[in-house]
Amino acid sequence: MDANVHFSLRVPPNWFELDVHPATREASIRELVRERIAQVPELRERRGEITKLLRDQAAAAWDAGAVYCAGMAEPVQDGVLPATVTVFLLPGPLGANSDEPDRTEALLPMLTPKEAKDENDTWTRVRAFELEGCGRVARSHGIEDLAPEPGKSIRVAQMQTFVPIPEVNRILLVSCSSPATAVAEGLFDLFDALTGTLRLEQG
């Protein structure tokens, strides 16, 4: 993270804030799971599944260059419902001016809306709006097919919010996703609430 750019993000008590560094994440995740099981003993039978899920989430966040990652692994009847929120510090659009009154105008052309062809197709919606404490931001959300590795595709509910950082041509990207597309609308409400806790600080 840049020395002059700081942020805070609050996640619910049932989420895990993950240490993504390869040297320390394994021990950190084991301790997080141990603490959560002590609080919620019924999770004990899901220990291995939750640990693997969090390990995979942390590794993916590190590989993608995230500066923050938190994950959810809620037990449900047929397994575990996963979700993640990751934060990235990105360069702003080439040639963009940090003094522009509405910096989303340079961001929106980079986001492509998509209408679903049928009920089983992917879709994406794009908009700009005022995010409390952060100013005007750009957002895309929808059901998308991602390829985490060659030859492997996974369908997810995803919300990405692009937050211009004041006075510099940098963007904070808050990316939330979950493969639990059957409950996408509820997840979008959750992702919106999570992103709404973001606060920027400089100094």
C-alpha atoms as a PDB file:
ATOM      1  CA  MET A   1       0.000   0.000   0.000  1.00  0.00           C
ATOM      2  CA  ASP A   2       1.276   3.480  -0.819  1.00  0.00           C
ATOM      3  CA  ALA A   3       2.569   5.308   2.243  1.00  0.00           C
ATOM      4  CA  ASN A   4       0.126   8.171   1.700  1.00  0.00           C
ATOM      5  CA  VAL A   5      -2.964   6.085   0.909  1.00  0.00           C
ATOM      6  CA  HIS A   6      -4.839   4.277   3.650  1.00  0.00           C
ATOM      7  CA  PHE A   7      -8.321   2.834   3.939  1.00  0.00           C
ATOM      8  CA  SER A   8     -10.567   1.024   6.360  1.00  0.00           C
ATOM      9  CA  LEU A   9     -13.201  -1.600   5.604  1.00  0.00           C
ATOM     10  CA  ARG A  10     -15.456  -3.317   8.120  1.00  0.00           C
ATOM     11  CA  VAL A  11     -16.642  -6.891   7.699  1.00  0.00           C
ATOM     12  CA  PRO A  12     -19.285  -8.776   9.749  1.00  0.00           C
ATOM     13  CA  PRO A  13     -18.182 -10.815  12.787  1.00  0.00           C
ATOM     14  CA  ASN A  14     -18.655 -14.117  10.913  1.00  0.00           C
ATOM     15  CA  TRP A  15     -16.070 -13.129   8.275  1.00  0.00           C
ATOM     16  CA  PHE A  16     -12.340 -13.923   8.425  1.00  0.00           C
ATOM     17  CA  GLU A  17      -9.822 -11.136   7.741  1.00  0.00           C
ATOM     18  CA  LEU A  18      -7.058 -13.070   6.014  1.00  0.00           C
ATOM     19  CA  ASP A  19      -3.293 -12.783   6.143  1.00  0.00           C
ATOM     20  CA  VAL A  20      -2.394 -13.308   2.475  1.00  0.00           C
ATOM     21  CA  HIS A  21       1.420 -13.463   2.790  1.00  0.00           C
ATOM     22  CA  PRO A  22       2.692 -16.955   1.861  1.00  0.00           C
ATOM     23  CA  ALA A  23       5.150 -17.071   4.779  1.00  0.00           C
ATOM     24  CA  THR A  24       2.520 -16.548   7.458  1.00  0.00           C
ATOM     25  CA  ARG A  25      -0.944 -17.268   6.055  1.00  0.00           C
ATOM     26  CA  GLU A  26      -1.030 -21.009   6.815  1.00  0.00           C
ATOM     27  CA  ALA A  27      -0.508 -20.557  10.562  1.00  0.00           C
ATOM     28  CA  SER A  28      -2.746 -17.493  10.618  1.00  0.00           C
ATOM     29  CA  ILE A  29      -5.635 -19.306   8.928  1.00  0.00           C
ATOM     30  CA  ARG A  30      -5.336 -22.308  11.247  1.00  0.00           C
ATOM     31  CA  GLU A  31      -5.556 -19.971  14.234  1.00  0.00           C
ATOM     32  CA  LEU A  32      -8.531 -18.080  12.762  1.00  0.00           C
ATOM     33  CA  VAL A  33     -10.410 -21.335  12.207  1.00  0.00           C
ATOM     34  CA  ARG A  34      -9.508 -22.602  15.683  1.00  0.00           C
ATOM     35  CA  GLU A  35     -10.845 -19.404  17.265  1.00  0.00           C
ATOM     36  CA  ARG A  36     -14.058 -19.503  15.232  1.00  0.00           C
ATOM     37  CA  ILE A  37     -14.729 -23.152  16.093  1.00  0.00           C
ATOM     38  CA  ALA A  38     -14.228 -22.321  19.777  1.00  0.00           C
ATOM     39  CA  GLN A  39     -16.960 -19.692  19.374  1.00  0.00           C
ATOM     40  CA  VAL A  40     -19.221 -21.831  17.160  1.00  0.00           C
ATOM     41  CA  PRO A  41     -18.599 -25.524  17.983  1.00  0.00           C
ATOM     42  CA  GLU A  42     -20.999 -26.768  15.285  1.00  0.00           C
ATOM     43  CA  LEU A  43     -18.416 -25.682  12.710  1.00  0.00           C
ATOM     44  CA  ARG A  44     -16.016 -28.379  13.927  1.00  0.00           C
ATOM     45  CA  GLU A  45     -17.145 -30.958  11.376  1.00  0.00           C
ATOM     46  CA  ARG A  46     -16.461 -28.416   8.607  1.00  0.00           C
ATOM     47  CA  ARG A  47     -12.942 -27.548   9.837  1.00  0.00           C
ATOM     48  CA  GLY A  48     -11.107 -29.059   6.871  1.00  0.00           C
ATOM     49  CA  GLU A  49     -13.476 -27.602   4.297  1.00  0.00           C
ATOM     50  CA  ILE A  50     -13.370 -24.102   5.806  1.00  0.00           C
ATOM     51  CA  THR A  51      -9.577 -24.179   6.197  1.00  0.00           C
ATOM     52  CA  LYS A  52      -9.062 -25.186   2.555  1.00  0.00           C
ATOM     53  CA  LEU A  53     -11.513 -22.547   1.348  1.00  0.00           C
ATOM     54  CA  LEU A  54      -9.787 -19.757   3.288  1.00  0.00           C
ATOM     55  CA  ARG A  55      -6.358 -20.988   2.178  1.00  0.00           C
ATOM     56  CA  ASP A  56      -7.468 -20.884  -1.456  1.00  0.00           C
ATOM     57  CA  GLN A  57      -8.995 -17.414  -1.008  1.00  0.00           C
ATOM     58  CA  ALA A  58      -5.814 -16.023   0.570  1.00  0.00           C
ATOM     59  CA  ALA A  59      -3.566 -17.568  -2.096  1.00  0.00           C
ATOM     60  CA  ALA A  60      -5.720 -16.186  -4.918  1.00  0.00           C
ATOM     61  CA  ALA A  61      -5.700 -12.725  -3.336  1.00  0.00           C
ATOM     62  CA  TRP A  62      -1.902 -12.745  -2.988  1.00  0.00           C
ATOM     63  CA  ASP A  63      -1.410 -13.963  -6.564  1.00  0.00           C
ATOM     64  CA  ALA A  64      -3.685 -11.161  -7.829  1.00  0.00           C
ATOM     65  CA  GLY A  65      -1.784  -8.477  -5.892  1.00  0.00           C
ATOM     66  CA  ALA A  66      -4.492  -7.654  -3.355  1.00  0.00           C
ATOM     67  CA  VAL A  67      -3.703  -5.336  -0.451  1.00  0.00           C
ATOM     68  CA  TYR A  68      -6.589  -6.709   1.664  1.00  0.00           C
ATOM     69  CA  CYS A  69      -8.699  -9.861   1.713  1.00  0.00           C
ATOM     70  CA  ALA A  70     -11.517 -11.139   3.900  1.00  0.00           C
ATOM     71  CA  GLY A  71     -13.557 -14.277   3.427  1.00  0.00           C
ATOM     72  CA  MET A  72     -16.793 -15.862   4.545  1.00  0.00           C
ATOM     73  CA  ALA A  73     -17.330 -19.607   4.883  1.00  0.00           C
ATOM     74  CA  GLU A  74     -20.822 -20.122   6.252  1.00  0.00           C
ATOM     75  CA  PRO A  75     -21.991 -23.715   6.783  1.00  0.00           C
ATOM     76  CA  VAL A  76     -25.201 -24.551   4.917  1.00  0.00           C
ATOM     77  CA  GLN A  77     -27.148 -27.764   4.529  1.00  0.00           C
ATOM     78  CA  ASP A  78     -25.140 -29.111   1.595  1.00  0.00           C
ATOM     79  CA  GLY A  79     -21.714 -27.668   2.369  1.00  0.00           C
ATOM     80  CA  VAL A  80     -20.185 -24.223   2.866  1.00  0.00           C
ATOM     81  CA  LEU A  81     -21.331 -20.921   1.356  1.00  0.00           C
ATOM     82  CA  PRO A  82     -18.192 -18.955   0.423  1.00  0.00           C
ATOM     83  CA  ALA A  83     -17.678 -15.284  -0.399  1.00  0.00           C
ATOM     84  CA  THR A  84     -14.694 -12.951  -0.530  1.00  0.00           C
ATOM     85  CA  VAL A  85     -13.946  -9.252  -0.551  1.00  0.00           C
ATOM     86  CA  THR A  86     -10.554  -8.187  -1.868  1.00  0.00           C
ATOM     87  CA  VAL A  87      -9.106  -4.698  -2.239  1.00  0.00           C
ATOM     88  CA  PHE A  88      -6.577  -3.654  -4.873  1.00  0.00           C
ATOM     89  CA  LEU A  89      -4.629  -0.428  -5.377  1.00  0.00           C
ATOM     90  CA  LEU A  90      -4.514   0.242  -9.121  1.00  0.00           C
ATOM     91  CA  PRO A  91      -3.138   2.931 -11.420  1.00  0.00           C
ATOM     92  CA  GLY A  92      -5.816   5.238 -12.772  1.00  0.00           C
ATOM     93  CA  PRO A  93      -6.769   5.404 -16.463  1.00  0.00           C
ATOM     94  CA  LEU A  94      -3.909   6.525 -18.704  1.00  0.00           C
ATOM     95  CA  GLY A  95      -3.971  10.291 -19.090  1.00  0.00           C
ATOM     96  CA  ALA A  96      -6.714  10.791 -16.501  1.00  0.00           C
ATOM     97  CA  ASN A  97      -6.624  14.023 -14.497  1.00  0.00           C
ATOM     98  CA  SER A  98      -6.945  13.682 -10.719  1.00  0.00           C
ATOM     99  CA  ASP A  99      -8.402  17.210 -10.610  1.00  0.00           C
ATOM    100  CA  GLU A 100     -11.485  16.312 -12.675  1.00  0.00           C
ATOM    101  CA  PRO A 101     -14.729  16.957 -10.740  1.00  0.00           C
ATOM    102  CA  ASP A 102     -16.172  13.593 -11.870  1.00  0.00           C
ATOM    103  CA  ARG A 103     -13.401  11.038 -12.311  1.00  0.00           C
ATOM    104  CA  THR A 104     -15.864   8.222 -13.033  1.00  0.00           C
ATOM    105  CA  GLU A 105     -16.181   9.590 -16.584  1.00  0.00           C
ATOM    106  CA  ALA A 106     -12.750   8.091 -17.318  1.00  0.00           C
ATOM    107  CA  LEU A 107     -13.641   4.804 -15.594  1.00  0.00           C
ATOM    108  CA  LEU A 108     -17.058   3.988 -17.059  1.00  0.00           C
ATOM    109  CA  PRO A 109     -15.799   3.340 -20.628  1.00  0.00           C
ATOM    110  CA  MET A 110     -13.606   0.570 -19.175  1.00  0.00           C
ATOM    111  CA  LEU A 111     -16.677  -1.269 -17.817  1.00  0.00           C
ATOM    112  CA  THR A 112     -18.902  -3.146 -20.268  1.00  0.00           C
ATOM    113  CA  PRO A 113     -22.578  -3.778 -19.491  1.00  0.00           C
ATOM    114  CA  LYS A 114     -24.097  -7.015 -20.783  1.00  0.00           C
ATOM    115  CA  GLU A 115     -27.687  -8.194 -21.075  1.00  0.00           C
ATOM    116  CA  ALA A 116     -28.468 -11.859 -20.469  1.00  0.00           C
ATOM    117  CA  LYS A 117     -29.698 -13.706 -23.571  1.00  0.00           C
ATOM    118  CA  ASP A 118     -31.690 -16.109 -21.402  1.00  0.00           C
ATOM    119  CA  GLU A 119     -32.121 -17.005 -17.730  1.00  0.00           C
ATOM    120  CA  ASN A 120     -28.945 -19.101 -17.761  1.00  0.00           C
ATOM    121  CA  ASP A 121     -26.723 -16.462 -19.360  1.00  0.00           C
ATOM    122  CA  THR A 122     -24.283 -14.088 -17.694  1.00  0.00           C
ATOM    123  CA  TRP A 123     -25.058 -10.384 -17.288  1.00  0.00           C
ATOM    124  CA  THR A 124     -23.392  -7.198 -16.068  1.00  0.00           C
ATOM    125  CA  ARG A 125     -24.792  -3.828 -15.007  1.00  0.00           C
ATOM    126  CA  VAL A 126     -22.705  -0.657 -14.772  1.00  0.00           C
ATOM    127  CA  ARG A 127     -23.393   2.606 -12.983  1.00  0.00           C
ATOM    128  CA  ALA A 128     -21.797   5.591 -11.246  1.00  0.00           C
ATOM    129  CA  PHE A 129     -23.024   6.861  -7.890  1.00  0.00           C
ATOM    130  CA  GLU A 130     -22.028   8.651  -4.689  1.00  0.00           C
ATOM    131  CA  LEU A 131     -20.474   6.355  -2.074  1.00  0.00           C
ATOM    132  CA  GLU A 132     -20.646   7.859   1.397  1.00  0.00           C
ATOM    133  CA  GLY A 133     -17.223   8.892   2.632  1.00  0.00           C
ATOM    134  CA  CYS A 134     -15.574   8.244  -0.747  1.00  0.00           C
ATOM    135  CA  GLY A 135     -17.284  10.480  -3.277  1.00  0.00           C
ATOM    136  CA  ARG A 136     -18.360   9.466  -6.760  1.00  0.00           C
ATOM    137  CA  VAL A 137     -17.455   5.902  -7.773  1.00  0.00           C
ATOM    138  CA  ALA A 138     -18.038   3.498 -10.665  1.00  0.00           C
ATOM    139  CA  ARG A 139     -19.471   0.010 -10.174  1.00  0.00           C
ATOM    140  CA  SER A 140     -20.163  -3.133 -12.155  1.00  0.00           C
ATOM    141  CA  HIS A 141     -22.091  -6.101 -10.805  1.00  0.00           C
ATOM    142  CA  GLY A 142     -23.639  -9.228 -12.208  1.00  0.00           C
ATOM    143  CA  ILE A 143     -23.230 -12.928 -12.912  1.00  0.00           C
ATOM    144  CA  GLU A 144     -19.947 -13.620 -14.675  1.00  0.00           C
ATOM    145  CA  ASP A 145     -17.826 -16.560 -15.801  1.00  0.00           C
ATOM    146  CA  LEU A 146     -14.254 -16.296 -14.521  1.00  0.00           C
ATOM    147  CA  ALA A 147     -11.250 -18.398 -15.525  1.00  0.00           C
ATOM    148  CA  PRO A 148      -8.992 -18.696 -12.449  1.00  0.00           C
ATOM    149  CA  GLU A 149      -6.693 -20.963 -14.461  1.00  0.00           C
ATOM    150  CA  PRO A 150      -6.492 -22.174 -18.082  1.00  0.00           C
ATOM    151  CA  GLY A 151      -9.238 -24.631 -18.948  1.00  0.00           C
ATOM    152  CA  LYS A 152     -11.174 -23.991 -15.739  1.00  0.00           C
ATOM    153  CA  SER A 153     -14.235 -21.746 -15.563  1.00  0.00           C
ATOM    154  CA  ILE A 154     -16.319 -20.778 -12.549  1.00  0.00           C
ATOM    155  CA  ARG A 155     -19.560 -18.803 -12.517  1.00  0.00           C
ATOM    156  CA  VAL A 156     -19.791 -16.186  -9.782  1.00  0.00           C
ATOM    157  CA  ALA A 157     -21.897 -13.363  -8.459  1.00  0.00           C
ATOM    158  CA  GLN A 158     -19.500 -10.427  -8.554  1.00  0.00           C
ATOM    159  CA  MET A 159     -19.531  -6.752  -7.598  1.00  0.00           C
ATOM    160  CA  GLN A 160     -16.600  -4.451  -8.343  1.00  0.00           C
ATOM    161  CA  THR A 161     -16.472  -0.854  -7.131  1.00  0.00           C
ATOM    162  CA  PHE A 162     -13.815   1.531  -8.481  1.00  0.00           C
ATOM    163  CA  VAL A 163     -13.017   4.329  -6.042  1.00  0.00           C
ATOM    164  CA  PRO A 164     -10.857   7.246  -7.270  1.00  0.00           C
ATOM    165  CA  ILE A 165      -8.306   8.310  -4.655  1.00  0.00           C
ATOM    166  CA  PRO A 166      -8.240  12.083  -4.123  1.00  0.00           C
ATOM    167  CA  GLU A 167      -5.337  14.103  -5.553  1.00  0.00           C
ATOM    168  CA  VAL A 168      -3.576  11.180  -7.278  1.00  0.00           C
ATOM    169  CA  ASN A 169      -4.354   9.136 -10.387  1.00  0.00           C
ATOM    170  CA  ARG A 170      -4.883   5.928  -8.424  1.00  0.00           C
ATOM    171  CA  ILE A 171      -7.937   3.739  -7.961  1.00  0.00           C
ATOM    172  CA  LEU A 172      -8.980   1.563  -5.040  1.00  0.00           C
ATOM    173  CA  LEU A 173     -10.888  -1.452  -6.360  1.00  0.00           C
ATOM    174  CA  VAL A 174     -13.188  -3.277  -3.939  1.00  0.00           C
ATOM    175  CA  SER A 175     -14.045  -6.645  -5.482  1.00  0.00           C
ATOM    176  CA  CYS A 176     -16.638  -8.959  -3.907  1.00  0.00           C
ATOM    177  CA  SER A 177     -17.526 -12.383  -5.286  1.00  0.00           C
ATOM    178  CA  SER A 178     -19.105 -15.733  -4.517  1.00  0.00           C
ATOM    179  CA  PRO A 179     -19.847 -18.859  -6.567  1.00  0.00           C
ATOM    180  CA  ALA A 180     -23.233 -19.137  -4.795  1.00  0.00           C
ATOM    181  CA  THR A 181     -25.143 -17.643  -7.736  1.00  0.00           C
ATOM    182  CA  ALA A 182     -28.438 -19.188  -6.571  1.00  0.00           C
ATOM    183  CA  VAL A 183     -28.560 -16.547  -3.825  1.00  0.00           C
ATOM    184  CA  ALA A 184     -27.060 -13.758  -5.928  1.00  0.00           C
ATOM    185  CA  GLU A 185     -29.561 -11.038  -5.012  1.00  0.00           C
ATOM    186  CA  GLY A 186     -28.920 -11.491  -1.299  1.00  0.00           C
ATOM    187  CA  LEU A 187     -25.183 -11.515  -1.958  1.00  0.00           C
ATOM    188  CA  PHE A 188     -25.399  -8.264  -3.923  1.00  0.00           C
ATOM    189  CA  ASP A 189     -27.098  -6.631  -0.933  1.00  0.00           C
ATOM    190  CA  LEU A 190     -24.312  -7.959   1.306  1.00  0.00           C
ATOM    191  CA  PHE A 191     -21.580  -6.814  -1.090  1.00  0.00           C
ATOM    192  CA  ASP A 192     -23.133  -3.350  -1.323  1.00  0.00           C
ATOM    193  CA  ALA A 193     -23.234  -3.091   2.477  1.00  0.00           C
ATOM    194  CA  LEU A 194     -19.610  -4.259   2.791  1.00  0.00           C
ATOM    195  CA  THR A 195     -18.380  -1.759   0.219  1.00  0.00           C
ATOM    196  CA  GLY A 196     -20.390   0.951   1.950  1.00  0.00           C
ATOM    197  CA  THR A 197     -18.122   0.654   5.008  1.00  0.00           C
ATOM    198  CA  LEU A 198     -15.060   1.724   2.985  1.00  0.00           C
ATOM    199  CA  ARG A 199     -13.397   4.912   4.161  1.00  0.00           C
ATOM    200  CA  LEU A 200     -10.370   6.578   2.576  1.00  0.00           C
ATOM    201  CA  GLU A 201      -7.653   8.250   4.610  1.00  0.00           C
ATOM    202  CA  GLN A 202      -4.585  10.100   3.400  1.00  0.00           C
ATOM    203  CA  GLY A 203      -1.529  11.255   5.225  1.00  0.00           C
END
